[in-house]
Amino acid sequence: MSIWRAVAAAAVGARVARSVTLRGDAALSGQPSWIRTNYAGREVTLAGGPAVTGGVLLATWLVAPRDRAARAVATAAGVASVVGRIDDIAGSSDARGLRGHLGALGRGQLTTGTVKIAGLFATGVAAGTVLGVRKRDLPVTAAAVAVGANVANLFDLRPGRALKVGLVATAPALSGPALVPAAAIAGSAAGTLPRDLGERVMLGDSGAAALGAAVATAVIAGGGQRAAGRVLAAAAALTLLSELVSFSRVIDALPPLRTFDQWGRRSDAGEQ
């Protein structure tokens, strides 16, 4: 029964996400707060955010409304999307990266990035509470979800990259108690991927945060507190690494990663 529910969740997520990218792209094209210029200088809409988030929310609600893991994943995606959208609207490039935001905080300046960090931690608390995590374990779970959401944003620098990483990261949850919500995430990511690769939409902070928070929650729901510790360690390591090196340069320097990263992109897309 779980297999069929997972198939249904993936199908619903993919259908919703695809529909939102198609219709949202046209509807949002004239609204400045929903337009961004990507790495290649092309204008794209942030319709990828509502696509991923909407796919996860509707798929989990329709297919598994009483499943605790599904409710936790939906909570993580929904709250993180709102937090990320705030940064999409009011975010500033004055402070970049963890070092930049913490440095600004040390000087008494409250950046939108610092607010986002707090908001994503609150997202983790909400998801962990829905999941039934014990109070003593809640800080680790909340931090894992928050940092996982941030890592997804670090990968949203090239077409399809964050979605591909999200699909790979979701794999461990596809064989456990979080199978159905993990399938909802995978379907939603897959449904958004074609127009992201085609440079018509991108995730933005809203979509990347929702994707990362949902994936982290699904992995934790499937593997328990040990999984939360592993997610936190891996996500924290990637976050610290991003302060030292460019992910794009590392990926471009390693042929297997470069091939995976460039698969499905526009043939005329040149790296900059």
Protein backbone atom coordinates (compact mmCIF):
# COMPACT_ATOMS: atom_id res chain seq x y z
CA MET A 1 0.00 0.00 0.00
CA SER A 2 2.82 2.44 0.84
CA ILE A 3 4.38 1.88 -2.58
CA TRP A 4 1.18 2.88 -4.36
CA ARG A 5 0.73 5.89 -2.09
CA ALA A 6 4.31 6.90 -2.85
CA VAL A 7 3.66 6.60 -6.58
CA ALA A 8 0.52 8.70 -6.19
CA ALA A 9 2.40 11.33 -4.14
CA ALA A 10 5.16 11.55 -6.74
CA ALA A 11 2.63 11.86 -9.56
CA VAL A 12 0.62 14.58 -7.81
CA GLY A 13 3.78 16.49 -6.87
CA ALA A 14 5.11 16.35 -10.42
CA ARG A 15 1.79 17.38 -11.96
CA VAL A 16 1.29 20.32 -9.61
CA ALA A 17 4.88 21.52 -9.99
CA ARG A 18 4.78 21.30 -13.77
CA SER A 19 1.48 23.18 -13.90
CA VAL A 20 2.77 25.95 -11.63
CA THR A 21 5.96 26.42 -13.65
CA LEU A 22 3.94 26.69 -16.86
CA ARG A 23 1.21 29.00 -15.61
CA GLY A 24 3.21 30.82 -12.95
CA ASP A 25 5.98 31.70 -15.38
CA ALA A 26 3.51 33.61 -17.56
CA ALA A 27 1.57 35.12 -14.66
CA LEU A 28 4.65 36.40 -12.82
CA SER A 29 6.69 37.63 -15.78
CA GLY A 30 5.50 41.21 -15.35
CA GLN A 31 6.08 41.47 -11.61
CA PRO A 32 9.56 42.78 -10.67
CA SER A 33 9.70 41.04 -7.29
CA TRP A 34 9.34 37.70 -9.11
CA ILE A 35 12.01 38.37 -11.76
CA ARG A 36 15.72 37.62 -11.47
CA THR A 37 18.69 37.68 -13.84
CA ASN A 38 20.48 34.33 -13.83
CA TYR A 39 24.18 33.52 -14.18
CA ALA A 40 24.01 33.80 -17.98
CA GLY A 41 22.27 37.19 -17.96
CA ARG A 42 18.82 35.83 -18.84
CA GLU A 43 15.68 37.00 -17.08
CA VAL A 44 13.83 34.19 -15.32
CA THR A 45 10.89 34.10 -12.92
CA LEU A 46 10.94 32.68 -9.40
CA ALA A 47 8.00 30.41 -10.23
CA GLY A 48 10.16 27.43 -9.31
CA GLY A 49 9.61 28.28 -5.65
CA PRO A 50 5.81 28.01 -5.65
CA ALA A 51 6.12 24.96 -7.92
CA VAL A 52 8.23 22.91 -5.52
CA THR A 53 6.41 24.10 -2.42
CA GLY A 54 2.95 23.67 -3.91
CA GLY A 55 3.80 20.22 -5.20
CA VAL A 56 4.99 19.02 -1.80
CA LEU A 57 2.07 20.56 0.09
CA LEU A 58 -0.67 19.26 -2.17
CA ALA A 59 0.87 15.81 -2.65
CA THR A 60 1.30 15.20 1.08
CA TRP A 61 -2.12 16.66 1.95
CA LEU A 62 -4.00 14.70 -0.69
CA VAL A 63 -2.19 11.36 -0.40
CA ALA A 64 -1.13 11.14 3.25
CA PRO A 65 -2.99 13.73 5.36
CA ARG A 66 -2.72 11.66 8.56
CA ASP A 67 0.90 10.58 8.15
CA ARG A 68 3.11 12.29 10.73
CA ALA A 69 6.20 12.31 8.51
CA ALA A 70 4.19 13.79 5.65
CA ARG A 71 2.77 16.51 7.90
CA ALA A 72 6.26 17.35 9.16
CA VAL A 73 7.66 17.59 5.63
CA ALA A 74 4.74 19.78 4.57
CA THR A 75 5.28 22.01 7.60
CA ALA A 76 8.97 22.36 6.81
CA ALA A 77 8.35 23.18 3.15
CA GLY A 78 5.56 25.65 3.86
CA VAL A 79 7.24 27.62 6.63
CA ALA A 80 10.65 27.65 4.95
CA SER A 81 9.06 28.92 1.74
CA VAL A 82 7.60 31.91 3.57
CA VAL A 83 10.94 32.63 5.27
CA GLY A 84 12.76 32.40 1.95
CA ARG A 85 10.22 34.62 0.21
CA ILE A 86 10.93 37.37 2.73
CA ASP A 87 14.59 37.20 1.71
CA ASP A 88 13.60 37.17 -1.98
CA ILE A 89 11.70 40.43 -1.49
CA ALA A 90 13.83 42.30 1.03
CA GLY A 91 17.19 40.58 0.77
CA SER A 92 20.33 42.65 0.30
CA SER A 93 23.72 41.75 -1.16
CA ASP A 94 25.54 43.99 1.33
CA ALA A 95 26.41 40.96 3.49
CA ARG A 96 27.09 37.61 1.85
CA GLY A 97 27.59 34.17 3.33
CA LEU A 98 27.60 33.05 6.92
CA ARG A 99 30.68 35.10 7.69
CA GLY A 100 29.16 38.25 6.24
CA HIS A 101 25.89 37.97 8.14
CA LEU A 102 27.51 37.06 11.45
CA GLY A 103 30.03 39.88 10.97
CA ALA A 104 27.20 42.34 10.40
CA LEU A 105 25.42 41.04 13.49
CA GLY A 106 28.61 41.57 15.49
CA ARG A 107 28.58 45.21 14.38
CA GLY A 108 25.00 45.57 15.55
CA GLN A 109 23.49 45.34 12.05
CA LEU A 110 20.51 43.03 11.55
CA THR A 111 20.54 41.70 7.98
CA THR A 112 17.77 39.81 6.20
CA GLY A 113 20.16 36.87 6.11
CA THR A 114 20.32 36.83 9.90
CA VAL A 115 16.53 36.98 10.06
CA LYS A 116 16.40 34.09 7.59
CA ILE A 117 18.73 32.00 9.76
CA ALA A 118 16.43 32.54 12.74
CA GLY A 119 13.37 31.84 10.62
CA LEU A 120 14.81 28.60 9.28
CA PHE A 121 15.68 27.44 12.80
CA ALA A 122 12.07 28.14 13.76
CA THR A 123 11.08 26.09 10.71
CA GLY A 124 13.11 23.20 12.09
CA VAL A 125 11.50 23.54 15.50
CA ALA A 126 8.05 23.42 13.92
CA ALA A 127 8.89 20.40 11.76
CA GLY A 128 10.52 18.57 14.66
CA THR A 129 7.54 19.24 16.89
CA VAL A 130 5.13 17.84 14.30
CA LEU A 131 7.45 14.85 13.91
CA GLY A 132 7.29 14.21 17.67
CA VAL A 133 10.99 14.77 18.37
CA ARG A 134 11.85 14.81 22.09
CA LYS A 135 12.56 18.24 23.56
CA ARG A 136 16.16 17.39 24.36
CA ASP A 137 16.75 16.38 20.72
CA LEU A 138 14.82 19.25 19.17
CA PRO A 139 17.75 21.71 18.90
CA VAL A 140 19.78 19.27 16.78
CA THR A 141 16.79 18.50 14.57
CA ALA A 142 15.95 22.18 14.16
CA ALA A 143 19.55 23.04 13.30
CA ALA A 144 19.73 20.19 10.78
CA VAL A 145 16.60 21.40 9.00
CA ALA A 146 17.78 25.03 9.06
CA VAL A 147 21.26 24.33 7.74
CA GLY A 148 19.88 21.86 5.20
CA ALA A 149 17.59 24.58 3.87
CA ASN A 150 20.51 26.98 3.61
CA VAL A 151 22.67 24.46 1.75
CA ALA A 152 20.01 24.06 -0.93
CA ASN A 153 20.20 27.80 -1.49
CA LEU A 154 23.98 27.56 -1.95
CA PHE A 155 23.44 25.16 -4.84
CA ASP A 156 20.79 27.32 -6.56
CA LEU A 157 23.40 29.08 -8.69
CA ARG A 158 23.06 27.18 -11.96
CA PRO A 159 20.01 25.83 -13.82
CA GLY A 160 18.70 22.65 -12.21
CA ARG A 161 21.61 22.21 -9.79
CA ALA A 162 19.68 22.56 -6.52
CA LEU A 163 16.89 20.30 -7.79
CA LYS A 164 19.36 17.60 -8.87
CA VAL A 165 21.13 17.73 -5.51
CA GLY A 166 17.74 17.62 -3.77
CA LEU A 167 16.73 14.51 -5.72
CA VAL A 168 19.96 12.74 -4.79
CA ALA A 169 19.70 13.78 -1.14
CA THR A 170 16.11 12.52 -0.92
CA ALA A 171 17.12 8.99 -1.96
CA PRO A 172 17.89 7.69 1.59
CA ALA A 173 14.32 8.48 2.67
CA LEU A 174 12.76 6.52 -0.20
CA SER A 175 13.18 3.18 1.55
CA GLY A 176 11.81 3.86 5.03
CA PRO A 177 8.88 5.29 7.00
CA ALA A 178 9.20 8.62 5.16
CA LEU A 179 8.70 6.98 1.75
CA VAL A 180 5.49 8.84 0.84
CA PRO A 181 6.63 12.41 1.68
CA ALA A 182 10.04 11.69 0.13
CA ALA A 183 8.25 10.63 -3.06
CA ALA A 184 6.24 13.85 -2.94
CA ILE A 185 9.48 15.84 -2.78
CA ALA A 186 11.04 13.83 -5.62
CA GLY A 187 7.99 14.26 -7.82
CA SER A 188 7.78 17.99 -7.15
CA ALA A 189 11.49 18.46 -7.89
CA ALA A 190 11.23 16.40 -11.08
CA GLY A 191 8.18 18.38 -12.22
CA THR A 192 10.02 21.67 -11.74
CA LEU A 193 13.31 20.51 -13.28
CA PRO A 194 12.58 20.86 -17.05
CA ARG A 195 11.80 24.58 -16.97
CA ASP A 196 14.59 25.23 -14.46
CA LEU A 197 17.05 23.52 -16.82
CA GLY A 198 15.51 25.49 -19.70
CA GLU A 199 16.24 28.74 -17.85
CA ARG A 200 12.61 29.78 -17.71
CA VAL A 201 12.27 29.62 -13.91
CA MET A 202 14.49 29.33 -10.87
CA LEU A 203 13.84 28.42 -7.24
CA GLY A 204 14.99 31.58 -5.52
CA ASP A 205 15.40 31.65 -1.74
CA SER A 206 11.80 30.61 -1.25
CA GLY A 207 12.00 27.47 -3.36
CA ALA A 208 15.51 26.48 -2.31
CA ALA A 209 14.68 26.86 1.38
CA ALA A 210 11.50 24.83 0.97
CA LEU A 211 13.32 22.09 -0.92
CA GLY A 212 16.23 21.87 1.51
CA ALA A 213 14.04 21.95 4.62
CA ALA A 214 11.68 19.31 3.19
CA VAL A 215 14.54 16.98 2.21
CA ALA A 216 16.23 17.32 5.60
CA THR A 217 12.95 16.64 7.40
CA ALA A 218 12.21 13.58 5.26
CA VAL A 219 15.66 12.10 5.90
CA ILE A 220 15.29 12.73 9.64
CA ALA A 221 11.79 11.25 9.65
CA GLY A 222 13.14 8.16 7.95
CA GLY A 223 16.28 7.71 10.06
CA GLY A 224 15.56 9.24 13.45
CA GLN A 225 17.92 11.23 15.62
CA ARG A 226 21.06 9.63 14.22
CA ALA A 227 19.99 10.81 10.81
CA ALA A 228 19.48 14.31 12.21
CA GLY A 229 23.08 14.32 13.44
CA ARG A 230 24.36 13.14 10.06
CA VAL A 231 22.30 15.73 8.18
CA LEU A 232 23.55 18.50 10.46
CA ALA A 233 27.20 17.41 10.14
CA ALA A 234 27.05 17.14 6.34
CA ALA A 235 25.13 20.39 5.85
CA ALA A 236 27.35 22.30 8.27
CA ALA A 237 30.47 21.01 6.49
CA LEU A 238 29.12 22.15 3.12
CA THR A 239 28.19 25.54 4.55
CA LEU A 240 31.68 26.06 5.96
CA LEU A 241 33.23 24.82 2.72
CA SER A 242 31.22 27.39 0.77
CA GLU A 243 32.95 30.12 2.76
CA LEU A 244 36.31 28.93 1.46
CA VAL A 245 35.74 27.75 -2.12
CA SER A 246 33.30 28.23 -4.98
CA PHE A 247 31.05 25.21 -5.48
CA SER A 248 30.84 26.05 -9.18
CA ARG A 249 34.63 25.98 -9.57
CA VAL A 250 34.90 22.67 -7.74
CA ILE A 251 32.13 21.12 -9.83
CA ASP A 252 33.64 22.39 -13.08
CA ALA A 253 37.04 20.96 -12.10
CA LEU A 254 35.72 17.41 -11.57
CA PRO A 255 34.47 15.73 -14.79
CA PRO A 256 31.83 13.43 -13.17
CA LEU A 257 30.32 16.32 -11.21
CA ARG A 258 30.53 18.62 -14.23
CA THR A 259 28.71 16.11 -16.42
CA PHE A 260 25.98 15.62 -13.83
CA ASP A 261 25.66 19.36 -13.26
CA GLN A 262 25.38 20.23 -16.96
CA TRP A 263 23.06 17.39 -17.93
CA GLY A 264 19.82 18.70 -19.44
CA ARG A 265 20.81 22.36 -19.65
CA ARG A 266 20.28 24.56 -22.69
CA SER A 267 22.83 23.72 -25.36
CA ASP A 268 23.69 27.41 -25.80
CA ALA A 269 24.33 28.00 -22.08
CA GLY A 270 27.89 29.04 -21.51
CA GLU A 271 29.56 29.12 -18.11
CA GLN A 272 30.49 32.50 -16.73
